[in-house]
C-alpha cells in the first residue's frame, strides 16, 4: 500500500500541465521539442518535478520595474 504522505517525484503530462496551469498539449510540445526533460516508461511520459520547476523558472519574465509576470 502506498504512503499518501509521499509527494510524487514524477508527474504525468496531465499533472504537469495542471501544476503550470497550461494545456496538456503545451507540455507534450515541450517534451517533443526537447525543451522539457522527461522519462518515457513504455508509452507513458513522466516529468520530474525538479525538471518542471526548472522549465518554468527558465521562462520567468521580469518587467523593467523588477516585477514578475
PDB file of N, CA and C in Angstrom:
ATOM      1  N   UNK A   1       0.844  -1.178   0.000  1.00  0.00           N
ATOM      2  CA  UNK A   1       0.000   0.000   0.000  1.00  0.00           C
ATOM      3  C   UNK A   1       0.892   1.246   0.000  1.00  0.00           C
ATOM      4  N   UNK A   2       0.561   2.223  -0.852  1.00  0.00           N
ATOM      5  CA  UNK A   2       1.358   3.441  -0.998  1.00  0.00           C
ATOM      6  C   UNK A   2       1.097   4.398   0.163  1.00  0.00           C
ATOM      7  N   UNK A   3       2.158   5.078   0.582  1.00  0.00           N
ATOM      8  CA  UNK A   3       2.053   6.082   1.633  1.00  0.00           C
ATOM      9  C   UNK A   3       1.542   7.376   1.005  1.00  0.00           C
ATOM     10  N   UNK A   4       0.411   7.876   1.454  1.00  0.00           N
ATOM     11  CA  UNK A   4      -0.196   9.070   0.861  1.00  0.00           C
ATOM     12  C   UNK A   4       0.525  10.352   1.257  1.00  0.00           C
ATOM     13  N   UNK A   5       1.475  10.289   2.172  1.00  0.00           N
ATOM     14  CA  UNK A   5       2.224  11.472   2.581  1.00  0.00           C
ATOM     15  C   UNK A   5       3.436  11.734   1.701  1.00  0.00           C
ATOM     16  N   UNK A   6       3.781  10.787   0.838  1.00  0.00           N
ATOM     17  CA  UNK A   6       4.935  10.946  -0.042  1.00  0.00           C
ATOM     18  C   UNK A   6       4.516  11.725  -1.276  1.00  0.00           C
ATOM     19  N   UNK A   7       5.248  12.811  -1.577  1.00  0.00           N
ATOM     20  CA  UNK A   7       4.955  13.601  -2.761  1.00  0.00           C
ATOM     21  C   UNK A   7       5.556  12.897  -3.978  1.00  0.00           C
ATOM     22  N   UNK A   8       4.871  12.932  -5.109  1.00  0.00           N
ATOM     23  CA  UNK A   8       5.404  12.261  -6.294  1.00  0.00           C
ATOM     24  C   UNK A   8       6.658  12.952  -6.816  1.00  0.00           C
ATOM     25  N   UNK A   9       7.599  12.151  -7.255  1.00  0.00           N
ATOM     26  CA  UNK A   9       8.830  12.676  -7.832  1.00  0.00           C
ATOM     27  C   UNK A   9       8.605  12.941  -9.315  1.00  0.00           C
ATOM     28  N   UNK A  10       7.783  12.118  -9.943  1.00  0.00           N
ATOM     29  CA  UNK A  10       7.455  12.257 -11.358  1.00  0.00           C
ATOM     30  C   UNK A  10       5.972  12.537 -11.517  1.00  0.00           C
ATOM     31  N   UNK A  11       5.639  13.379 -12.479  1.00  0.00           N
ATOM     32  CA  UNK A  11       4.252  13.741 -12.750  1.00  0.00           C
ATOM     33  C   UNK A  11       3.851  13.252 -14.130  1.00  0.00           C
ATOM     34  N   UNK A  12       2.590  12.916 -14.276  1.00  0.00           N
ATOM     35  CA  UNK A  12       2.056  12.606 -15.605  1.00  0.00           C
ATOM     36  C   UNK A  12       1.963  13.917 -16.387  1.00  0.00           C
ATOM     37  N   UNK A  13       1.736  13.807 -17.675  1.00  0.00           N
ATOM     38  CA  UNK A  13       1.579  15.005 -18.505  1.00  0.00           C
ATOM     39  C   UNK A  13       0.417  15.847 -17.982  1.00  0.00           C
ATOM     40  N   UNK A  14      -0.671  15.203 -17.624  1.00  0.00           N
ATOM     41  CA  UNK A  14      -1.830  15.920 -17.098  1.00  0.00           C
ATOM     42  C   UNK A  14      -1.536  16.644 -15.802  1.00  0.00           C
ATOM     43  N   UNK A  15      -0.827  15.977 -14.901  1.00  0.00           N
ATOM     44  CA  UNK A  15      -0.484  16.605 -13.621  1.00  0.00           C
ATOM     45  C   UNK A  15       0.514  17.745 -13.813  1.00  0.00           C
ATOM     46  N   UNK A  16       1.465  17.565 -14.736  1.00  0.00           N
ATOM     47  CA  UNK A  16       2.443  18.621 -15.034  1.00  0.00           C
ATOM     48  C   UNK A  16       1.730  19.839 -15.611  1.00  0.00           C
ATOM     49  N   UNK A  17       0.787  19.601 -16.500  1.00  0.00           N
ATOM     50  CA  UNK A  17       0.015  20.695 -17.093  1.00  0.00           C
ATOM     51  C   UNK A  17      -0.787  21.434 -16.024  1.00  0.00           C
ATOM     52  N   UNK A  18      -1.415  20.692 -15.143  1.00  0.00           N
ATOM     53  CA  UNK A  18      -2.205  21.309 -14.072  1.00  0.00           C
ATOM     54  C   UNK A  18      -1.315  22.135 -13.150  1.00  0.00           C
ATOM     55  N   UNK A  19      -0.131  21.636 -12.867  1.00  0.00           N
ATOM     56  CA  UNK A  19       0.798  22.345 -11.972  1.00  0.00           C
ATOM     57  C   UNK A  19       1.195  23.708 -12.537  1.00  0.00           C
ATOM     58  N   UNK A  20       1.316  23.791 -13.877  1.00  0.00           N
ATOM     59  CA  UNK A  20       1.700  25.054 -14.517  1.00  0.00           C
ATOM     60  C   UNK A  20       0.505  25.823 -15.076  1.00  0.00           C
ATOM     61  N   UNK A  21      -0.686  25.284 -14.917  1.00  0.00           N
ATOM     62  CA  UNK A  21      -1.907  25.903 -15.448  1.00  0.00           C
ATOM     63  C   UNK A  21      -1.822  26.120 -16.954  1.00  0.00           C
ATOM     64  N   UNK A  22      -1.361  25.082 -17.661  1.00  0.00           N
ATOM     65  CA  UNK A  22      -1.305  25.092 -19.116  1.00  0.00           C
ATOM     66  C   UNK A  22      -1.993  23.837 -19.629  1.00  0.00           C
ATOM     67  N   UNK A  23      -2.130  23.741 -20.941  1.00  0.00           N
ATOM     68  CA  UNK A  23      -2.774  22.562 -21.510  1.00  0.00           C
ATOM     69  C   UNK A  23      -1.798  21.386 -21.580  1.00  0.00           C
ATOM     70  N   UNK A  24      -2.347  20.192 -21.692  1.00  0.00           N
ATOM     71  CA  UNK A  24      -1.514  19.010 -21.880  1.00  0.00           C
ATOM     72  C   UNK A  24      -0.743  19.122 -23.188  1.00  0.00           C
ATOM     73  N   UNK A  25      -1.346  19.752 -24.190  1.00  0.00           N
ATOM     74  CA  UNK A  25      -0.671  19.929 -25.481  1.00  0.00           C
ATOM     75  C   UNK A  25       0.595  20.765 -25.324  1.00  0.00           C
ATOM     76  N   UNK A  26       0.575  21.758 -24.454  1.00  0.00           N
ATOM     77  CA  UNK A  26       1.756  22.587 -24.212  1.00  0.00           C
ATOM     78  C   UNK A  26       2.887  21.749 -23.623  1.00  0.00           C
ATOM     79  N   UNK A  27       2.563  20.891 -22.673  1.00  0.00           N
ATOM     80  CA  UNK A  27       3.568  20.024 -22.065  1.00  0.00           C
ATOM     81  C   UNK A  27       4.091  19.033 -23.094  1.00  0.00           C
ATOM     82  N   UNK A  28       3.207  18.414 -23.861  1.00  0.00           N
ATOM     83  CA  UNK A  28       3.633  17.450 -24.887  1.00  0.00           C
ATOM     84  C   UNK A  28       4.527  18.115 -25.935  1.00  0.00           C
ATOM     85  N   UNK A  29       4.202  19.349 -26.311  1.00  0.00           N
ATOM     86  CA  UNK A  29       5.016  20.090 -27.277  1.00  0.00           C
ATOM     87  C   UNK A  29       6.419  20.351 -26.716  1.00  0.00           C
ATOM     88  N   UNK A  30       6.498  20.723 -25.447  1.00  0.00           N
ATOM     89  CA  UNK A  30       7.795  20.980 -24.806  1.00  0.00           C
ATOM     90  C   UNK A  30       8.608  19.693 -24.708  1.00  0.00           C
ATOM     91  N   UNK A  31       7.943  18.578 -24.435  1.00  0.00           N
ATOM     92  CA  UNK A  31       8.611  17.277 -24.377  1.00  0.00           C
ATOM     93  C   UNK A  31       9.127  16.906 -25.763  1.00  0.00           C
ATOM     94  N   UNK A  32       8.256  17.029 -26.771  1.00  0.00           N
ATOM     95  CA  UNK A  32       8.608  16.640 -28.139  1.00  0.00           C
ATOM     96  C   UNK A  32       9.769  17.473 -28.688  1.00  0.00           C
ATOM     97  N   UNK A  33       9.806  18.767 -28.347  1.00  0.00           N
ATOM     98  CA  UNK A  33      10.863  19.650 -28.852  1.00  0.00           C
ATOM     99  C   UNK A  33      12.175  19.495 -28.082  1.00  0.00           C
ATOM    100  N   UNK A  34      12.125  18.796 -26.946  1.00  0.00           N
ATOM    101  CA  UNK A  34      13.321  18.615 -26.133  1.00  0.00           C
ATOM    102  C   UNK A  34      13.540  19.718 -25.112  1.00  0.00           C
ATOM    103  N   UNK A  35      12.614  20.671 -25.039  1.00  0.00           N
ATOM    104  CA  UNK A  35      12.739  21.763 -24.068  1.00  0.00           C
ATOM    105  C   UNK A  35      12.508  21.294 -22.633  1.00  0.00           C
ATOM    106  N   UNK A  36      11.715  20.250 -22.477  1.00  0.00           N
ATOM    107  CA  UNK A  36      11.366  19.742 -21.151  1.00  0.00           C
ATOM    108  C   UNK A  36      11.854  18.302 -21.019  1.00  0.00           C
ATOM    109  N   UNK A  37      12.767  18.094 -20.104  1.00  0.00           N
ATOM    110  CA  UNK A  37      13.306  16.746 -19.868  1.00  0.00           C
ATOM    111  C   UNK A  37      12.186  15.843 -19.366  1.00  0.00           C
ATOM    112  N   UNK A  38      12.249  14.580 -19.744  1.00  0.00           N
ATOM    113  CA  UNK A  38      11.193  13.645 -19.371  1.00  0.00           C
ATOM    114  C   UNK A  38      11.728  12.217 -19.351  1.00  0.00           C
ATOM    115  N   UNK A  39      10.905  11.337 -18.828  1.00  0.00           N
ATOM    116  CA  UNK A  39      11.196   9.911 -18.798  1.00  0.00           C
ATOM    117  C   UNK A  39      10.040   9.216 -19.505  1.00  0.00           C
ATOM    118  N   UNK A  40      10.372   8.294 -20.372  1.00  0.00           N
ATOM    119  CA  UNK A  40       9.324   7.529 -21.055  1.00  0.00           C
ATOM    120  C   UNK A  40       9.378   6.112 -20.500  1.00  0.00           C
ATOM    121  N   UNK A  41       8.261   5.664 -19.955  1.00  0.00           N
ATOM    122  CA  UNK A  41       8.133   4.317 -19.408  1.00  0.00           C
ATOM    123  C   UNK A  41       7.065   3.629 -20.248  1.00  0.00           C
ATOM    124  N   UNK A  42       7.508   2.805 -21.175  1.00  0.00           N
ATOM    125  CA  UNK A  42       6.566   2.253 -22.142  1.00  0.00           C
ATOM    126  C   UNK A  42       6.054   3.407 -22.988  1.00  0.00           C
ATOM    127  N   UNK A  43       4.750   3.576 -23.026  1.00  0.00           N
ATOM    128  CA  UNK A  43       4.158   4.693 -23.765  1.00  0.00           C
ATOM    129  C   UNK A  43       3.874   5.894 -22.865  1.00  0.00           C
ATOM    130  N   UNK A  44       4.047   5.709 -21.575  1.00  0.00           N
ATOM    131  CA  UNK A  44       3.764   6.784 -20.625  1.00  0.00           C
ATOM    132  C   UNK A  44       4.920   7.772 -20.546  1.00  0.00           C
ATOM    133  N   UNK A  45       4.587   9.051 -20.495  1.00  0.00           N
ATOM    134  CA  UNK A  45       5.581  10.110 -20.343  1.00  0.00           C
ATOM    135  C   UNK A  45       5.457  10.650 -18.925  1.00  0.00           C
ATOM    136  N   UNK A  46       6.576  10.768 -18.245  1.00  0.00           N
ATOM    137  CA  UNK A  46       6.593  11.326 -16.899  1.00  0.00           C
ATOM    138  C   UNK A  46       7.627  12.439 -16.843  1.00  0.00           C
ATOM    139  N   UNK A  47       7.319  13.485 -16.073  1.00  0.00           N
ATOM    140  CA  UNK A  47       8.192  14.644 -15.937  1.00  0.00           C
ATOM    141  C   UNK A  47       8.580  14.779 -14.473  1.00  0.00           C
ATOM    142  N   UNK A  48       9.869  14.874 -14.208  1.00  0.00           N
ATOM    143  CA  UNK A  48      10.334  15.067 -12.833  1.00  0.00           C
ATOM    144  C   UNK A  48       9.903  16.453 -12.353  1.00  0.00           C
ATOM    145  N   UNK A  49       9.479  16.528 -11.117  1.00  0.00           N
ATOM    146  CA  UNK A  49       9.052  17.805 -10.534  1.00  0.00           C
ATOM    147  C   UNK A  49      10.179  18.821 -10.640  1.00  0.00           C
ATOM    148  N   UNK A  50      11.405  18.415 -10.379  1.00  0.00           N
ATOM    149  CA  UNK A  50      12.539  19.341 -10.443  1.00  0.00           C
ATOM    150  C   UNK A  50      12.744  19.863 -11.864  1.00  0.00           C
ATOM    151  N   UNK A  51      12.574  19.000 -12.872  1.00  0.00           N
ATOM    152  CA  UNK A  51      12.711  19.434 -14.270  1.00  0.00           C
ATOM    153  C   UNK A  51      11.585  20.390 -14.654  1.00  0.00           C
ATOM    154  N   UNK A  52      10.384  20.130 -14.182  1.00  0.00           N
ATOM    155  CA  UNK A  52       9.252  21.005 -14.474  1.00  0.00           C
ATOM    156  C   UNK A  52       9.455  22.383 -13.838  1.00  0.00           C
ATOM    157  N   UNK A  53       9.938  22.394 -12.603  1.00  0.00           N
ATOM    158  CA  UNK A  53      10.204  23.660 -11.927  1.00  0.00           C
ATOM    159  C   UNK A  53      11.303  24.449 -12.637  1.00  0.00           C
ATOM    160  N   UNK A  54      12.340  23.755 -13.101  1.00  0.00           N
ATOM    161  CA  UNK A  54      13.429  24.416 -13.829  1.00  0.00           C
ATOM    162  C   UNK A  54      12.933  24.968 -15.164  1.00  0.00           C
ATOM    163  N   UNK A  55      12.079  24.211 -15.844  1.00  0.00           N
ATOM    164  CA  UNK A  55      11.488  24.639 -17.110  1.00  0.00           C
ATOM    165  C   UNK A  55      10.689  25.933 -16.903  1.00  0.00           C
ATOM    166  N   UNK A  56       9.879  25.967 -15.867  1.00  0.00           N
ATOM    167  CA  UNK A  56       9.074  27.155 -15.580  1.00  0.00           C
ATOM    168  C   UNK A  56       9.960  28.336 -15.174  1.00  0.00           C
ATOM    169  N   UNK A  57      10.966  28.092 -14.365  1.00  0.00           N
ATOM    170  CA  UNK A  57      11.851  29.169 -13.912  1.00  0.00           C
ATOM    171  C   UNK A  57      12.618  29.787 -15.076  1.00  0.00           C
ATOM    172  N   UNK A  58      12.985  28.978 -16.059  1.00  0.00           N
ATOM    173  CA  UNK A  58      13.731  29.472 -17.217  1.00  0.00           C
ATOM    174  C   UNK A  58      12.858  30.369 -18.092  1.00  0.00           C
ATOM    175  N   UNK A  59      11.551  30.291 -17.934  1.00  0.00           N
ATOM    176  CA  UNK A  59      10.633  31.081 -18.736  1.00  0.00           C
ATOM    177  C   UNK A  59      10.028  32.249 -17.966  1.00  0.00           C
ATOM    178  N   UNK A  60      10.525  32.473 -16.791  1.00  0.00           N
ATOM    179  CA  UNK A  60      10.021  33.567 -15.955  1.00  0.00           C
ATOM    180  C   UNK A  60      10.343  34.903 -16.616  1.00  0.00           C
ATOM    181  N   UNK A  61       9.355  35.783 -16.668  1.00  0.00           N
ATOM    182  CA  UNK A  61       9.521  37.087 -17.281  1.00  0.00           C
ATOM    183  C   UNK A  61       9.539  38.133 -16.176  1.00  0.00           C
ATOM    184  N   UNK A  62      10.552  39.003 -16.216  1.00  0.00           N
ATOM    185  CA  UNK A  62      10.650  40.091 -15.242  1.00  0.00           C
ATOM    186  C   UNK A  62      10.518  41.402 -16.003  1.00  0.00           C
ATOM    187  N   UNK A  63       9.641  42.282 -15.539  1.00  0.00           N
ATOM    188  CA  UNK A  63       9.426  43.568 -16.184  1.00  0.00           C
ATOM    189  C   UNK A  63      10.551  44.532 -15.824  1.00  0.00           C
ATOM    190  N   UNK A  64      10.552  45.678 -16.463  1.00  0.00           N
ATOM    191  CA  UNK A  64      11.589  46.683 -16.172  1.00  0.00           C
ATOM    192  C   UNK A  64      11.551  47.137 -14.733  1.00  0.00           C
ATOM    193  N   UNK A  65      10.385  47.106 -14.135  1.00  0.00           N
ATOM    194  CA  UNK A  65      10.252  47.516 -12.729  1.00  0.00           C
ATOM    195  C   UNK A  65      10.707  46.426 -11.778  1.00  0.00           C
ATOM    196  N   UNK A  66      11.116  45.286 -12.314  1.00  0.00           N
ATOM    197  CA  UNK A  66      11.590  44.191 -11.483  1.00  0.00           C
ATOM    198  C   UNK A  66      10.499  43.292 -10.963  1.00  0.00           C
ATOM    199  N   UNK A  67       9.287  43.463 -11.487  1.00  0.00           N
ATOM    200  CA  UNK A  67       8.167  42.639 -11.047  1.00  0.00           C
ATOM    201  C   UNK A  67       8.044  41.411 -11.940  1.00  0.00           C
ATOM    202  N   UNK A  68       7.650  40.300 -11.352  1.00  0.00           N
ATOM    203  CA  UNK A  68       7.404  39.080 -12.137  1.00  0.00           C
ATOM    204  C   UNK A  68       6.054  39.161 -12.790  1.00  0.00           C
ATOM    205  N   UNK A  69       5.964  38.518 -13.944  1.00  0.00           N
ATOM    206  CA  UNK A  69       4.667  38.401 -14.609  1.00  0.00           C
ATOM    207  C   UNK A  69       4.339  36.953 -14.766  1.00  0.00           C
TER     208      UNK A  69
END
